């Protein structure tokens, strides 16, 4: 039995050749919000800490205000959390996705009916 076809919208905001905001960075922010740790968020997504840190750094540099605030490590460890700007970014991104999906629902249904 084959899986039922599904359409996923994948929004990206680019600045020149850089993906400033995209599905990977949003997934990383969501994982970080849940784990409060770049290391744990990276592990949850199957990526290296170095890659996760680079994505967060690139995202923070692309925004007027950083999306992630990190505390230095120590005896209690460091930690990271979303800034108010990061929370707003997540909410807006997921809201736009939901609105686009809803607005295109009839066309999406017709498109999916073309698949075997």
N, C-alpha and C. Protein backbone atom coordinates (compact mmCIF):
# COMPACT_ATOMS: atom_id res chain seq x y z
N UNK A 1 0.85 -1.18 0.00
CA UNK A 1 0.00 0.00 0.00
C UNK A 1 0.89 1.25 0.00
N UNK A 2 0.64 2.15 -0.90
CA UNK A 2 1.45 3.36 -0.97
C UNK A 2 0.87 4.45 -0.07
N UNK A 3 1.74 5.35 0.32
CA UNK A 3 1.32 6.46 1.19
C UNK A 3 0.47 7.44 0.40
N UNK A 4 -0.41 8.10 1.11
CA UNK A 4 -1.27 9.12 0.51
C UNK A 4 -0.42 10.36 0.18
N UNK A 5 -0.50 10.88 -1.04
CA UNK A 5 0.29 12.06 -1.40
C UNK A 5 -0.10 13.27 -0.54
N UNK A 6 0.90 14.03 -0.17
CA UNK A 6 0.68 15.26 0.59
C UNK A 6 1.51 16.37 -0.02
N UNK A 7 1.00 17.56 0.00
CA UNK A 7 1.72 18.71 -0.50
C UNK A 7 2.25 19.50 0.70
N UNK A 8 3.53 19.84 0.64
CA UNK A 8 4.14 20.66 1.69
C UNK A 8 4.66 21.94 1.05
N UNK A 9 4.24 23.05 1.57
CA UNK A 9 4.76 24.33 1.11
C UNK A 9 6.07 24.59 1.87
N UNK A 10 7.09 25.00 1.16
CA UNK A 10 8.40 25.25 1.77
C UNK A 10 8.82 26.68 1.44
N UNK A 11 8.54 27.56 2.34
CA UNK A 11 8.81 28.98 2.14
C UNK A 11 10.26 29.31 2.51
N UNK A 12 10.88 30.13 1.69
CA UNK A 12 12.23 30.62 1.96
C UNK A 12 12.27 32.13 1.72
N UNK A 13 12.99 32.82 2.58
CA UNK A 13 13.25 34.24 2.39
C UNK A 13 14.75 34.34 2.13
N UNK A 14 15.10 34.88 0.97
CA UNK A 14 16.51 34.97 0.61
C UNK A 14 16.97 36.42 0.58
N UNK A 15 18.24 36.58 0.86
CA UNK A 15 18.93 37.86 0.71
C UNK A 15 20.16 37.53 -0.11
N UNK A 16 20.16 38.00 -1.35
CA UNK A 16 21.19 37.61 -2.32
C UNK A 16 21.16 36.08 -2.43
N UNK A 17 22.28 35.41 -2.19
CA UNK A 17 22.32 33.95 -2.30
C UNK A 17 22.11 33.24 -0.96
N UNK A 18 21.86 34.00 0.08
CA UNK A 18 21.70 33.43 1.42
C UNK A 18 20.23 33.19 1.73
N UNK A 19 19.93 32.00 2.23
CA UNK A 19 18.58 31.74 2.73
C UNK A 19 18.53 32.29 4.15
N UNK A 20 17.93 33.46 4.30
CA UNK A 20 17.86 34.11 5.60
C UNK A 20 16.91 33.37 6.53
N UNK A 21 15.78 32.95 5.98
CA UNK A 21 14.76 32.22 6.75
C UNK A 21 14.25 31.10 5.85
N UNK A 22 14.22 29.90 6.38
CA UNK A 22 13.73 28.76 5.62
C UNK A 22 13.31 27.64 6.53
N UNK A 23 12.81 26.57 5.96
CA UNK A 23 12.26 25.48 6.77
C UNK A 23 13.27 24.83 7.72
N UNK A 24 14.53 24.73 7.30
CA UNK A 24 15.53 24.14 8.18
C UNK A 24 15.81 25.00 9.40
N UNK A 25 15.92 26.29 9.19
CA UNK A 25 16.18 27.20 10.31
C UNK A 25 14.98 27.27 11.23
N UNK A 26 13.78 27.22 10.67
CA UNK A 26 12.57 27.24 11.49
C UNK A 26 12.48 25.97 12.33
N UNK A 27 12.78 24.82 11.72
CA UNK A 27 12.77 23.55 12.47
C UNK A 27 13.80 23.59 13.59
N UNK A 28 14.96 24.19 13.32
CA UNK A 28 15.99 24.31 14.34
C UNK A 28 15.52 25.21 15.48
N UNK A 29 14.88 26.33 15.16
CA UNK A 29 14.34 27.21 16.21
C UNK A 29 13.30 26.47 17.05
N UNK A 30 12.44 25.69 16.42
CA UNK A 30 11.43 24.94 17.17
C UNK A 30 12.08 23.91 18.09
N UNK A 31 13.10 23.22 17.59
CA UNK A 31 13.79 22.23 18.42
C UNK A 31 14.53 22.92 19.57
N UNK A 32 15.14 24.06 19.29
CA UNK A 32 15.83 24.81 20.33
C UNK A 32 14.85 25.31 21.38
N UNK A 33 13.69 25.74 20.95
CA UNK A 33 12.67 26.21 21.88
C UNK A 33 12.23 25.08 22.81
N UNK A 34 12.18 23.88 22.27
CA UNK A 34 11.76 22.73 23.07
C UNK A 34 12.87 22.25 24.01
N UNK A 35 14.11 22.26 23.54
CA UNK A 35 15.21 21.69 24.31
C UNK A 35 16.00 22.71 25.11
N UNK A 36 15.93 23.97 24.72
CA UNK A 36 16.70 25.05 25.34
C UNK A 36 18.22 24.82 25.22
N UNK A 37 18.61 24.12 24.17
CA UNK A 37 20.02 23.80 23.98
C UNK A 37 20.30 23.63 22.49
N UNK A 38 21.35 24.30 22.00
CA UNK A 38 21.73 24.14 20.60
C UNK A 38 22.19 22.70 20.36
N UNK A 39 22.95 22.16 21.30
CA UNK A 39 23.44 20.78 21.17
C UNK A 39 22.28 19.80 21.08
N UNK A 40 21.32 19.91 22.00
CA UNK A 40 20.17 18.99 22.00
C UNK A 40 19.29 19.20 20.78
N UNK A 41 19.11 20.44 20.35
CA UNK A 41 18.30 20.72 19.16
C UNK A 41 18.96 20.11 17.92
N UNK A 42 20.27 20.27 17.82
CA UNK A 42 21.00 19.69 16.69
C UNK A 42 20.86 18.17 16.69
N UNK A 43 21.03 17.57 17.84
CA UNK A 43 20.91 16.11 17.97
C UNK A 43 19.51 15.65 17.58
N UNK A 44 18.50 16.37 18.01
CA UNK A 44 17.10 16.00 17.70
C UNK A 44 16.84 16.04 16.20
N UNK A 45 17.56 16.92 15.50
CA UNK A 45 17.36 17.06 14.05
C UNK A 45 18.39 16.28 13.24
N UNK A 46 19.28 15.56 13.92
CA UNK A 46 20.27 14.76 13.22
C UNK A 46 21.34 15.58 12.53
N UNK A 47 21.71 16.71 13.12
CA UNK A 47 22.76 17.54 12.53
C UNK A 47 23.85 17.78 13.56
N UNK A 48 24.99 18.19 13.09
CA UNK A 48 26.10 18.47 14.00
C UNK A 48 25.85 19.78 14.74
N UNK A 49 26.49 19.91 15.90
CA UNK A 49 26.42 21.15 16.64
C UNK A 49 26.96 22.29 15.78
N UNK A 50 28.05 22.02 15.10
CA UNK A 50 28.68 23.05 14.26
C UNK A 50 27.71 23.57 13.20
N UNK A 51 26.98 22.67 12.55
CA UNK A 51 26.00 23.07 11.52
C UNK A 51 24.87 23.88 12.16
N UNK A 52 24.36 23.41 13.29
CA UNK A 52 23.27 24.12 13.98
C UNK A 52 23.72 25.53 14.38
N UNK A 53 24.92 25.62 14.95
CA UNK A 53 25.43 26.92 15.37
C UNK A 53 25.58 27.84 14.16
N UNK A 54 26.08 27.31 13.05
CA UNK A 54 26.25 28.13 11.84
C UNK A 54 24.91 28.63 11.31
N UNK A 55 23.89 27.78 11.34
CA UNK A 55 22.56 28.20 10.88
C UNK A 55 21.98 29.29 11.78
N UNK A 56 22.14 29.12 13.08
CA UNK A 56 21.62 30.12 14.03
C UNK A 56 22.38 31.44 13.87
N UNK A 57 23.69 31.34 13.70
CA UNK A 57 24.49 32.55 13.50
C UNK A 57 24.07 33.28 12.23
N UNK A 58 23.89 32.52 11.16
CA UNK A 58 23.46 33.11 9.88
C UNK A 58 22.08 33.76 10.03
N UNK A 59 21.17 33.08 10.71
CA UNK A 59 19.83 33.62 10.95
C UNK A 59 19.92 34.91 11.77
N UNK A 60 20.65 34.86 12.88
CA UNK A 60 20.77 36.04 13.74
C UNK A 60 21.36 37.23 12.98
N UNK A 61 22.34 36.99 12.11
CA UNK A 61 22.95 38.07 11.33
C UNK A 61 22.00 38.61 10.27
N UNK A 62 21.02 37.81 9.86
CA UNK A 62 20.07 38.22 8.83
C UNK A 62 18.94 39.08 9.39
N UNK A 63 18.75 39.04 10.69
CA UNK A 63 17.63 39.74 11.33
C UNK A 63 18.08 41.04 11.98
N UNK A 64 17.13 41.95 12.18
CA UNK A 64 17.43 43.19 12.88
C UNK A 64 17.79 42.91 14.34
N UNK A 65 17.10 41.94 14.94
CA UNK A 65 17.36 41.52 16.32
C UNK A 65 17.56 40.02 16.30
N UNK A 66 18.46 39.48 17.13
CA UNK A 66 18.72 38.04 17.10
C UNK A 66 17.47 37.23 17.49
N UNK A 67 17.36 36.06 16.86
CA UNK A 67 16.26 35.14 17.16
C UNK A 67 16.58 34.26 18.35
N UNK A 68 17.88 34.05 18.60
CA UNK A 68 18.33 33.15 19.65
C UNK A 68 19.28 33.90 20.58
N UNK A 69 19.07 33.70 21.87
CA UNK A 69 19.94 34.26 22.89
C UNK A 69 20.59 33.07 23.60
N UNK A 70 21.92 33.08 23.66
CA UNK A 70 22.65 31.98 24.28
C UNK A 70 23.39 32.49 25.50
N UNK A 71 23.42 31.63 26.53
CA UNK A 71 24.19 31.92 27.74
C UNK A 71 25.47 31.10 27.67
N UNK A 72 26.55 31.65 28.17
CA UNK A 72 27.83 30.94 28.18
C UNK A 72 27.73 29.72 29.10
N UNK A 73 28.49 28.70 28.76
CA UNK A 73 28.52 27.48 29.59
C UNK A 73 29.16 27.78 30.94
N UNK A 74 29.06 26.85 31.81
CA UNK A 74 29.62 26.99 33.16
C UNK A 74 29.33 25.72 33.91
N UNK A 75 29.36 25.78 35.22
CA UNK A 75 29.11 24.58 36.02
C UNK A 75 27.70 24.05 35.80
N UNK A 76 26.77 24.93 35.52
CA UNK A 76 25.39 24.53 35.25
C UNK A 76 25.14 24.36 33.75
N UNK A 77 26.16 24.56 32.94
CA UNK A 77 25.99 24.49 31.49
C UNK A 77 25.47 25.81 30.97
N UNK A 78 25.44 25.93 29.68
CA UNK A 78 24.95 27.16 29.06
C UNK A 78 23.46 27.08 28.87
N UNK A 79 23.06 27.28 27.70
CA UNK A 79 21.64 27.23 27.37
C UNK A 79 21.32 28.28 26.35
N UNK A 80 20.27 28.06 25.64
CA UNK A 80 19.82 29.00 24.62
C UNK A 80 18.32 29.08 24.65
N UNK A 81 17.81 30.22 24.23
CA UNK A 81 16.37 30.39 24.16
C UNK A 81 16.03 31.36 23.04
N UNK A 82 14.78 31.30 22.64
CA UNK A 82 14.30 32.23 21.63
C UNK A 82 14.14 33.60 22.26
N UNK A 83 14.53 34.60 21.51
CA UNK A 83 14.27 35.98 21.92
C UNK A 83 12.82 36.29 21.55
N UNK A 84 12.30 37.42 22.01
CA UNK A 84 10.96 37.81 21.55
C UNK A 84 10.89 37.88 20.02
N UNK A 85 11.96 38.34 19.39
CA UNK A 85 12.00 38.41 17.94
C UNK A 85 11.96 37.00 17.33
N UNK A 86 12.66 36.06 17.94
CA UNK A 86 12.64 34.68 17.48
C UNK A 86 11.27 34.05 17.60
N UNK A 87 10.60 34.33 18.70
CA UNK A 87 9.24 33.82 18.91
C UNK A 87 8.31 34.39 17.85
N UNK A 88 8.43 35.70 17.59
CA UNK A 88 7.60 36.35 16.58
C UNK A 88 7.88 35.76 15.20
N UNK A 89 9.14 35.51 14.90
CA UNK A 89 9.52 34.91 13.62
C UNK A 89 8.85 33.55 13.44
N UNK A 90 8.93 32.70 14.46
CA UNK A 90 8.28 31.38 14.39
C UNK A 90 6.79 31.50 14.16
N UNK A 91 6.15 32.35 14.95
CA UNK A 91 4.70 32.51 14.84
C UNK A 91 4.30 33.02 13.45
N UNK A 92 5.02 34.01 12.94
CA UNK A 92 4.70 34.56 11.61
C UNK A 92 4.94 33.52 10.52
N UNK A 93 6.05 32.82 10.57
CA UNK A 93 6.39 31.83 9.55
C UNK A 93 5.32 30.74 9.49
N UNK A 94 5.00 30.16 10.63
CA UNK A 94 4.00 29.09 10.66
C UNK A 94 2.61 29.62 10.31
N UNK A 95 2.30 30.85 10.69
CA UNK A 95 1.02 31.45 10.33
C UNK A 95 0.89 31.68 8.83
N UNK A 96 1.95 32.16 8.20
CA UNK A 96 1.94 32.37 6.75
C UNK A 96 1.77 31.03 6.04
N UNK A 97 2.48 30.01 6.50
CA UNK A 97 2.33 28.68 5.91
C UNK A 97 0.88 28.20 5.98
N UNK A 98 0.29 28.34 7.15
CA UNK A 98 -1.10 27.88 7.35
C UNK A 98 -2.07 28.65 6.46
N UNK A 99 -1.88 29.98 6.38
CA UNK A 99 -2.76 30.79 5.55
C UNK A 99 -2.61 30.45 4.07
N UNK A 100 -1.38 30.23 3.63
CA UNK A 100 -1.14 29.88 2.22
C UNK A 100 -1.77 28.53 1.91
N UNK A 101 -1.60 27.57 2.80
CA UNK A 101 -2.18 26.24 2.61
C UNK A 101 -3.70 26.33 2.53
N UNK A 102 -4.31 27.11 3.42
CA UNK A 102 -5.76 27.25 3.43
C UNK A 102 -6.25 27.96 2.17
N UNK A 103 -5.55 29.00 1.75
CA UNK A 103 -5.97 29.76 0.57
C UNK A 103 -5.87 28.93 -0.71
N UNK A 104 -4.94 28.01 -0.73
CA UNK A 104 -4.71 27.19 -1.94
C UNK A 104 -5.36 25.81 -1.85
N UNK A 105 -6.14 25.56 -0.82
CA UNK A 105 -6.67 24.22 -0.58
C UNK A 105 -7.38 23.61 -1.79
N UNK A 106 -8.30 24.31 -2.46
CA UNK A 106 -8.97 23.69 -3.61
C UNK A 106 -8.00 23.30 -4.72
N UNK A 107 -7.04 24.17 -5.02
CA UNK A 107 -6.06 23.86 -6.06
C UNK A 107 -5.14 22.71 -5.62
N UNK A 108 -4.78 22.70 -4.36
CA UNK A 108 -3.94 21.61 -3.84
C UNK A 108 -4.67 20.28 -3.97
N UNK A 109 -5.95 20.25 -3.63
CA UNK A 109 -6.73 19.02 -3.74
C UNK A 109 -6.80 18.54 -5.19
N UNK A 110 -6.99 19.46 -6.12
CA UNK A 110 -7.04 19.09 -7.53
C UNK A 110 -5.69 18.57 -8.01
N UNK A 111 -4.64 19.21 -7.56
CA UNK A 111 -3.29 18.78 -7.92
C UNK A 111 -3.01 17.37 -7.40
N UNK A 112 -3.37 17.12 -6.17
CA UNK A 112 -3.10 15.81 -5.57
C UNK A 112 -3.91 14.71 -6.25
N UNK A 113 -5.06 15.04 -6.79
CA UNK A 113 -5.88 14.04 -7.49
C UNK A 113 -5.22 13.58 -8.79
N UNK A 114 -4.25 14.34 -9.27
CA UNK A 114 -3.55 13.95 -10.49
C UNK A 114 -2.50 12.86 -10.24
N UNK A 115 -2.19 12.65 -8.97
CA UNK A 115 -1.16 11.67 -8.62
C UNK A 115 -1.74 10.26 -8.52
N UNK A 116 -0.91 9.28 -8.84
CA UNK A 116 -1.34 7.88 -8.77
C UNK A 116 -1.47 7.43 -7.32
